[in-house]
PDB file of N, CA and C in Angstrom:
ATOM      1  N   MET A   1      85.520  86.766 101.631  1.00  0.00           N
ATOM      2  CA  MET A   1      85.475  84.786 102.256  1.00  0.00           C
ATOM      3  C   MET A   1      86.957  84.607 101.742  1.00  0.00           C
ATOM      4  N   GLY A   2      87.707  84.056 102.882  1.00  0.00           N
ATOM      5  CA  GLY A   2      88.800  83.920 102.452  1.00  0.00           C
ATOM      6  C   GLY A   2      88.591  82.302 101.689  1.00  0.00           C
ATOM      7  N   ARG A   3      89.942  81.768 101.314  1.00  0.00           N
ATOM      8  CA  ARG A   3      90.314  80.225 100.557  1.00  0.00           C
ATOM      9  C   ARG A   3      89.584  79.318 101.346  1.00  0.00           C
ATOM     10  N   ASN A   4      89.025  79.185 102.258  1.00  0.00           N
ATOM     11  CA  ASN A   4      88.420  77.960 103.008  1.00  0.00           C
ATOM     12  C   ASN A   4      87.441  78.297 103.398  1.00  0.00           C
ATOM     13  N   GLY A   5      86.618  79.249 102.470  1.00  0.00           N
ATOM     14  CA  GLY A   5      85.114  79.521 102.749  1.00  0.00           C
ATOM     15  C   GLY A   5      84.945  80.884 103.976  1.00  0.00           C
ATOM     16  N   ARG A   6      85.464  80.746 105.209  1.00  0.00           N
ATOM     17  CA  ARG A   6      85.211  81.488 106.203  1.00  0.00           C
ATOM     18  C   ARG A   6      85.590  82.647 106.511  1.00  0.00           C
ATOM     19  N   ALA A   7      84.576  83.741 106.722  1.00  0.00           N
ATOM     20  CA  ALA A   7      84.858  85.120 106.468  1.00  0.00           C
ATOM     21  C   ALA A   7      85.912  85.703 107.313  1.00  0.00           C
ATOM     22  N   ARG A   8      86.662  86.092 106.755  1.00  0.00           N
ATOM     23  CA  ARG A   8      87.848  86.966 107.512  1.00  0.00           C
ATOM     24  C   ARG A   8      87.401  88.363 108.323  1.00  0.00           C
ATOM     25  N   GLU A   9      88.026  88.433 109.238  1.00  0.00           N
ATOM     26  CA  GLU A   9      87.827  90.076 110.037  1.00  0.00           C
ATOM     27  C   GLU A   9      88.917  90.764 109.544  1.00  0.00           C
ATOM     28  N   HIS A  10      88.416  91.835 109.441  1.00  0.00           N
ATOM     29  CA  HIS A  10      89.715  92.849 108.597  1.00  0.00           C
ATOM     30  C   HIS A  10      89.695  93.829 109.774  1.00  0.00           C
ATOM     31  N   GLN A  11      90.906  94.035 110.314  1.00  0.00           N
ATOM     32  CA  GLN A  11      90.809  95.150 111.598  1.00  0.00           C
ATOM     33  C   GLN A  11      91.843  96.192 110.998  1.00  0.00           C
ATOM     34  N   GLN A  12      91.499  97.430 110.746  1.00  0.00           N
ATOM     35  CA  GLN A  12      92.377  98.343 110.322  1.00  0.00           C
ATOM     36  C   GLN A  12      93.078  99.148 111.721  1.00  0.00           C
ATOM     37  N   ARG A  13      94.291  99.569 111.223  1.00  0.00           N
ATOM     38  CA  ARG A  13      94.892 100.446 112.406  1.00  0.00           C
ATOM     39  C   ARG A  13      94.785 101.598 112.068  1.00  0.00           C
ATOM     40  N   GLN A  14      94.667 102.253 113.401  1.00  0.00           N
ATOM     41  CA  GLN A  14      94.431 103.586 113.110  1.00  0.00           C
ATOM     42  C   GLN A  14      95.728 104.277 113.877  1.00  0.00           C
ATOM     43  N   ASN A  15      96.287 105.225 112.849  1.00  0.00           N
ATOM     44  CA  ASN A  15      97.566 106.124 112.960  1.00  0.00           C
ATOM     45  C   ASN A  15      97.428 107.289 113.412  1.00  0.00           C
ATOM     46  N   LEU A  16      98.279 108.185 114.454  1.00  0.00           N
ATOM     47  CA  LEU A  16      97.939 109.491 114.376  1.00  0.00           C
ATOM     48  C   LEU A  16      99.139 110.024 114.706  1.00  0.00           C
ATOM     49  N   SER A  17      99.579 111.234 113.641  1.00  0.00           N
ATOM     50  CA  SER A  17     101.195 111.522 113.911  1.00  0.00           C
ATOM     51  C   SER A  17     101.231 112.895 114.241  1.00  0.00           C
ATOM     52  N   GLY A  18     101.951 113.128 115.191  1.00  0.00           N
ATOM     53  CA  GLY A  18     102.301 114.902 115.402  1.00  0.00           C
ATOM     54  C   GLY A  18     103.657 115.498 115.521  1.00  0.00           C
ATOM     55  N   THR A  19     103.546 116.641 115.227  1.00  0.00           N
ATOM     56  CA  THR A  19     104.942 117.224 114.911  1.00  0.00           C
ATOM     57  C   THR A  19     104.823 118.659 115.381  1.00  0.00           C
ATOM     58  N   GLY A  20     105.720 119.201 115.822  1.00  0.00           N
ATOM     59  CA  GLY A  20     105.785 121.017 116.213  1.00  0.00           C
ATOM     60  C   GLY A  20     107.273 121.392 115.911  1.00  0.00           C
ATOM     61  N   GLU A  21     107.331 122.675 116.264  1.00  0.00           N
ATOM     62  CA  GLU A  21     108.683 123.533 115.869  1.00  0.00           C
ATOM     63  C   GLU A  21     109.537 123.248 116.921  1.00  0.00           C
ATOM     64  N   SER A  22     109.462 122.056 117.216  1.00  0.00           N
ATOM     65  CA  SER A  22     110.480 121.586 118.488  1.00  0.00           C
ATOM     66  C   SER A  22     111.646 120.726 117.941  1.00  0.00           C
ATOM     67  N   ASN A  23     112.690 120.622 118.790  1.00  0.00           N
ATOM     68  CA  ASN A  23     113.866 119.702 118.343  1.00  0.00           C
ATOM     69  C   ASN A  23     113.549 118.107 119.085  1.00  0.00           C
ATOM     70  N   ARG A  24     112.549 118.430 119.703  1.00  0.00           N
ATOM     71  CA  ARG A  24     112.112 117.563 120.659  1.00  0.00           C
ATOM     72  C   ARG A  24     110.749 116.732 120.303  1.00  0.00           C
ATOM     73  N   PRO A  25     110.427 115.438 120.304  1.00  0.00           N
ATOM     74  CA  PRO A  25     109.086 114.831 120.021  1.00  0.00           C
ATOM     75  C   PRO A  25     108.115 115.257 120.605  1.00  0.00           C
ATOM     76  N   VAL A  26     107.002 115.920 120.108  1.00  0.00           N
ATOM     77  CA  VAL A  26     105.603 116.604 120.795  1.00  0.00           C
ATOM     78  C   VAL A  26     104.793 115.515 121.292  1.00  0.00           C
ATOM     79  N   SER A  27     104.263 116.054 122.206  1.00  0.00           N
ATOM     80  CA  SER A  27     103.163 114.741 122.570  1.00  0.00           C
ATOM     81  C   SER A  27     101.830 115.681 122.767  1.00  0.00           C
ATOM     82  N   PRO A  28     100.908 114.755 122.920  1.00  0.00           N
ATOM     83  CA  PRO A  28      99.177 115.533 122.885  1.00  0.00           C
ATOM     84  C   PRO A  28      99.353 115.754 124.269  1.00  0.00           C
ATOM     85  N   CYS A  29      98.365 116.938 124.670  1.00  0.00           N
ATOM     86  CA  CYS A  29      98.340 117.689 125.764  1.00  0.00           C
ATOM     87  C   CYS A  29      97.115 116.608 126.662  1.00  0.00           C
ATOM     88  N   GLY A  30      96.799 116.711 127.842  1.00  0.00           N
ATOM     89  CA  GLY A  30      95.795 116.131 128.821  1.00  0.00           C
ATOM     90  C   GLY A  30      94.773 115.956 128.424  1.00  0.00           C
ATOM     91  N   MET A  31      94.010 116.640 127.622  1.00  0.00           N
ATOM     92  CA  MET A  31      92.747 117.009 127.576  1.00  0.00           C
ATOM     93  C   MET A  31      92.811 115.886 125.879  1.00  0.00           C
ATOM     94  N   CYS A  32      93.542 115.884 125.053  1.00  0.00           N
ATOM     95  CA  CYS A  32      93.650 115.211 123.821  1.00  0.00           C
ATOM     96  C   CYS A  32      94.195 113.462 124.067  1.00  0.00           C
ATOM     97  N   ARG A  33      94.893 113.563 125.070  1.00  0.00           N
ATOM     98  CA  ARG A  33      95.275 112.504 125.948  1.00  0.00           C
ATOM     99  C   ARG A  33      93.792 111.743 125.994  1.00  0.00           C
ATOM    100  N   GLN A  34      93.028 112.477 126.801  1.00  0.00           N
ATOM    101  CA  GLN A  34      91.962 111.739 127.482  1.00  0.00           C
ATOM    102  C   GLN A  34      90.941 111.308 126.134  1.00  0.00           C
ATOM    103  N   SER A  35      90.760 112.128 125.518  1.00  0.00           N
ATOM    104  CA  SER A  35      89.923 111.688 123.981  1.00  0.00           C
ATOM    105  C   SER A  35      90.152 110.876 123.615  1.00  0.00           C
ATOM    106  N   LEU A  36      91.758 110.416 123.290  1.00  0.00           N
ATOM    107  CA  LEU A  36      92.216 109.315 122.417  1.00  0.00           C
ATOM    108  C   LEU A  36      91.759 108.283 123.246  1.00  0.00           C
ATOM    109  N   ALA A  37      91.986 108.181 124.250  1.00  0.00           N
ATOM    110  CA  ALA A  37      91.741 107.016 125.318  1.00  0.00           C
ATOM    111  C   ALA A  37      90.533 106.680 125.101  1.00  0.00           C
ATOM    112  N   GLU A  38      89.485 107.627 125.382  1.00  0.00           N
ATOM    113  CA  GLU A  38      87.981 107.256 125.408  1.00  0.00           C
ATOM    114  C   GLU A  38      87.634 106.492 123.862  1.00  0.00           C
ATOM    115  N   TYR A  39      88.170 107.491 122.805  1.00  0.00           N
ATOM    116  CA  TYR A  39      88.380 107.076 121.415  1.00  0.00           C
ATOM    117  C   TYR A  39      88.702 105.463 121.344  1.00  0.00           C
ATOM    118  N   GLU A  40      89.761 105.035 122.008  1.00  0.00           N
ATOM    119  CA  GLU A  40      90.148 103.663 122.137  1.00  0.00           C
ATOM    120  C   GLU A  40      89.061 102.674 122.583  1.00  0.00           C
ATOM    121  N   GLU A  41      88.949 103.089 123.820  1.00  0.00           N
ATOM    122  CA  GLU A  41      87.808 102.299 124.486  1.00  0.00           C
ATOM    123  C   GLU A  41      86.257 102.067 123.614  1.00  0.00           C
ATOM    124  N   ARG A  42      85.932 103.153 122.980  1.00  0.00           N
ATOM    125  CA  ARG A  42      84.771 103.134 122.161  1.00  0.00           C
ATOM    126  C   ARG A  42      84.569 102.071 121.215  1.00  0.00           C
ATOM    127  N   THR A  43      86.203 102.114 120.287  1.00  0.00           N
ATOM    128  CA  THR A  43      86.193 101.610 119.290  1.00  0.00           C
ATOM    129  C   THR A  43      87.025 100.402 119.067  1.00  0.00           C
ATOM    130  N   LYS A  44      87.231 100.061 120.799  1.00  0.00           N
ATOM    131  CA  LYS A  44      88.342  98.608 121.184  1.00  0.00           C
ATOM    132  C   LYS A  44      89.403  98.395 120.011  1.00  0.00           C
ATOM    133  N   GLN A  45      89.695  99.759 119.448  1.00  0.00           N
ATOM    134  CA  GLN A  45      90.980  99.355 118.631  1.00  0.00           C
ATOM    135  C   GLN A  45      91.949 100.267 118.829  1.00  0.00           C
ATOM    136  N   PRO A  46      93.272 100.013 119.018  1.00  0.00           N
ATOM    137  CA  PRO A  46      94.225 101.083 119.502  1.00  0.00           C
ATOM    138  C   PRO A  46      94.804 102.007 118.670  1.00  0.00           C
ATOM    139  N   ILE A  47      94.876 103.276 118.828  1.00  0.00           N
ATOM    140  CA  ILE A  47      95.666 103.974 117.923  1.00  0.00           C
ATOM    141  C   ILE A  47      97.200 104.281 118.452  1.00  0.00           C
ATOM    142  N   ARG A  48      97.933 103.799 116.943  1.00  0.00           N
ATOM    143  CA  ARG A  48      99.189 104.227 117.211  1.00  0.00           C
ATOM    144  C   ARG A  48      99.485 105.580 116.980  1.00  0.00           C
ATOM    145  N   LEU A  49     100.535 106.040 118.242  1.00  0.00           N
ATOM    146  CA  LEU A  49     101.068 107.545 117.682  1.00  0.00           C
ATOM    147  C   LEU A  49     102.527 107.414 117.119  1.00  0.00           C
ATOM    148  N   ILE A  50     102.748 108.651 116.651  1.00  0.00           N
ATOM    149  CA  ILE A  50     103.921 108.648 116.093  1.00  0.00           C
ATOM    150  C   ILE A  50     104.405 110.049 116.148  1.00  0.00           C
ATOM    151  N   LEU A  51     105.028 110.183 117.164  1.00  0.00           N
ATOM    152  CA  LEU A  51     105.624 111.710 117.969  1.00  0.00           C
ATOM    153  C   LEU A  51     107.149 111.981 117.145  1.00  0.00           C
ATOM    154  N   SER A  52     107.083 113.309 117.054  1.00  0.00           N
ATOM    155  CA  SER A  52     108.552 113.907 116.549  1.00  0.00           C
ATOM    156  C   SER A  52     108.640 115.273 116.495  1.00  0.00           C
ATOM    157  N   GLY A  53     109.329 115.511 116.050  1.00  0.00           N
ATOM    158  CA  GLY A  53     109.721 117.313 116.274  1.00  0.00           C
ATOM    159  C   GLY A  53     110.298 117.243 114.932  1.00  0.00           C
ATOM    160  N   MET A  54     111.004 118.483 114.584  1.00  0.00           N
ATOM    161  CA  MET A  54     111.727 118.959 113.297  1.00  0.00           C
ATOM    162  C   MET A  54     112.597 118.279 112.797  1.00  0.00           C
ATOM    163  N   GLU A  55     113.607 118.131 114.430  1.00  0.00           N
ATOM    164  CA  GLU A  55     114.661 117.216 113.922  1.00  0.00           C
ATOM    165  C   GLU A  55     114.689 115.807 114.891  1.00  0.00           C
ATOM    166  N   GLY A  56     115.826 115.121 114.866  1.00  0.00           N
ATOM    167  CA  GLY A  56     115.525 114.127 115.846  1.00  0.00           C
ATOM    168  C   GLY A  56     115.055 112.754 115.850  1.00  0.00           C
ATOM    169  N   LYS A  57     114.974 112.109 117.209  1.00  0.00           N
ATOM    170  CA  LYS A  57     114.062 110.909 117.150  1.00  0.00           C
ATOM    171  C   LYS A  57     112.598 110.898 117.033  1.00  0.00           C
ATOM    172  N   VAL A  58     112.202 110.070 116.716  1.00  0.00           N
ATOM    173  CA  VAL A  58     110.724 109.573 116.536  1.00  0.00           C
ATOM    174  C   VAL A  58     110.380 108.762 117.717  1.00  0.00           C
ATOM    175  N   ILE A  59     109.235 108.923 117.924  1.00  0.00           N
ATOM    176  CA  ILE A  59     108.741 107.878 119.059  1.00  0.00           C
ATOM    177  C   ILE A  59     107.553 107.096 118.365  1.00  0.00           C
ATOM    178  N   ILE A  60     107.639 105.749 118.776  1.00  0.00           N
ATOM    179  CA  ILE A  60     106.062 105.156 118.194  1.00  0.00           C
ATOM    180  C   ILE A  60     105.665 104.812 119.849  1.00  0.00           C
ATOM    181  N   ILE A  61     104.158 105.039 119.774  1.00  0.00           N
ATOM    182  CA  ILE A  61     103.418 104.438 121.071  1.00  0.00           C
ATOM    183  C   ILE A  61     102.213 103.414 120.355  1.00  0.00           C
ATOM    184  N   GLU A  62     102.716 102.172 120.732  1.00  0.00           N
ATOM    185  CA  GLU A  62     101.016 101.245 120.059  1.00  0.00           C
ATOM    186  C   GLU A  62      99.748 101.861 120.632  1.00  0.00           C
ATOM    187  N   SER A  63      99.987 102.661 121.885  1.00  0.00           N
ATOM    188  CA  SER A  63      98.312 102.348 122.108  1.00  0.00           C
ATOM    189  C   SER A  63      98.112 103.903 122.545  1.00  0.00           C
ATOM    190  N   ALA A  64      97.355 104.808 122.641  1.00  0.00           N
ATOM    191  CA  ALA A  64      97.440 106.140 123.043  1.00  0.00           C
ATOM    192  C   ALA A  64      96.939 105.802 124.830  1.00  0.00           C
ATOM    193  N   ALA A  65      96.521 104.635 125.074  1.00  0.00           N
ATOM    194  CA  ALA A  65      96.249 104.107 126.389  1.00  0.00           C
ATOM    195  C   ALA A  65      97.646 104.441 127.302  1.00  0.00           C
ATOM    196  N   GLN A  66      98.708 104.137 126.675  1.00  0.00           N
ATOM    197  CA  GLN A  66      99.991 104.626 127.298  1.00  0.00           C
ATOM    198  C   GLN A  66     100.142 105.376 127.938  1.00  0.00           C
ATOM    199  N   LEU A  67      99.867 106.472 127.166  1.00  0.00           N
ATOM    200  CA  LEU A  67      99.928 107.697 127.271  1.00  0.00           C
ATOM    201  C   LEU A  67      99.369 108.558 129.022  1.00  0.00           C
ATOM    202  N   LEU A  68      98.242 107.990 129.245  1.00  0.00           N
ATOM    203  CA  LEU A  68      97.593 107.970 130.422  1.00  0.00           C
ATOM    204  C   LEU A  68      97.413 106.719 130.918  1.00  0.00           C
ATOM    205  N   PRO A  69      97.790 106.337 131.689  1.00  0.00           N
ATOM    206  CA  PRO A  69      97.537 104.873 132.247  1.00  0.00           C
ATOM    207  C   PRO A  69      96.371 105.061 133.311  1.00  0.00           C
ATOM    208  N   LEU A  70      96.273 106.160 134.096  1.00  0.00           N
ATOM    209  CA  LEU A  70      94.968 106.337 135.020  1.00  0.00           C
ATOM    210  C   LEU A  70      93.900 107.086 134.681  1.00  0.00           C
ATOM    211  N   SER A  71      93.543 106.643 133.297  1.00  0.00           N
ATOM    212  CA  SER A  71      92.975 107.413 132.525  1.00  0.00           C
ATOM    213  C   SER A  71      91.378 107.151 133.144  1.00  0.00           C
ATOM    214  N   PHE A  72      90.277 108.113 133.123  1.00  0.00           N
ATOM    215  CA  PHE A  72      88.968 108.227 133.456  1.00  0.00           C
ATOM    216  C   PHE A  72      88.307 107.936 131.999  1.00  0.00           C
ATOM    217  N   GLY A  73      87.679 106.570 132.885  1.00  0.00           N
ATOM    218  CA  GLY A  73      86.776 106.068 131.285  1.00  0.00           C
ATOM    219  C   GLY A  73      85.330 105.638 131.729  1.00  0.00           C
ATOM    220  N   SER A  74      84.362 105.098 130.604  1.00  0.00           N
ATOM    221  CA  SER A  74      82.929 104.789 130.971  1.00  0.00           C
ATOM    222  C   SER A  74      82.671 103.914 132.019  1.00  0.00           C
ATOM    223  N   GLY A  75      83.542 103.069 132.474  1.00  0.00           N
ATOM    224  CA  GLY A  75      83.688 101.808 133.600  1.00  0.00           C
ATOM    225  C   GLY A  75      83.248 102.857 134.756  1.00  0.00           C
ATOM    226  N   ASP A  76      84.273 104.178 134.825  1.00  0.00           N
ATOM    227  CA  ASP A  76      84.090 104.487 135.875  1.00  0.00           C
ATOM    228  C   ASP A  76      83.063 105.622 136.259  1.00  0.00           C
ATOM    229  N   MET A  77      82.011 105.620 135.399  1.00  0.00           N
ATOM    230  CA  MET A  77      81.019 106.179 135.421  1.00  0.00           C
ATOM    231  C   MET A  77      79.704 105.335 136.344  1.00  0.00           C
ATOM    232  N   LYS A  78      79.918 104.026 136.652  1.00  0.00           N
ATOM    233  CA  LYS A  78      78.592 102.949 136.933  1.00  0.00           C
ATOM    234  C   LYS A  78      79.328 102.839 138.525  1.00  0.00           C
TER     235      LYS A  78
END
C-alpha cells in the first residue's frame, strides 16, 4: 500500500539482450520476432530489446513489436 492508502500497481519491465560474433548489432530472426510480438500481446507489456555486436554501437528498441510492424496476432484469428 502507498502512503495515501491506495494500492500501487507495480509493473516490471521485460528486457532482452542479444549479441553475436559480429561488429554490427545482431537482431532476432523472423520466428523469434513473431514469438516476442505474441508474448508482448499476451502479457500486455513491452519487451525492451538491447542489441549489440562485439564492438560498436548498441541499439535499444523499446518494444519488440517495432521489429515486426505487420505481425500476425490473435486478433487475426477471429
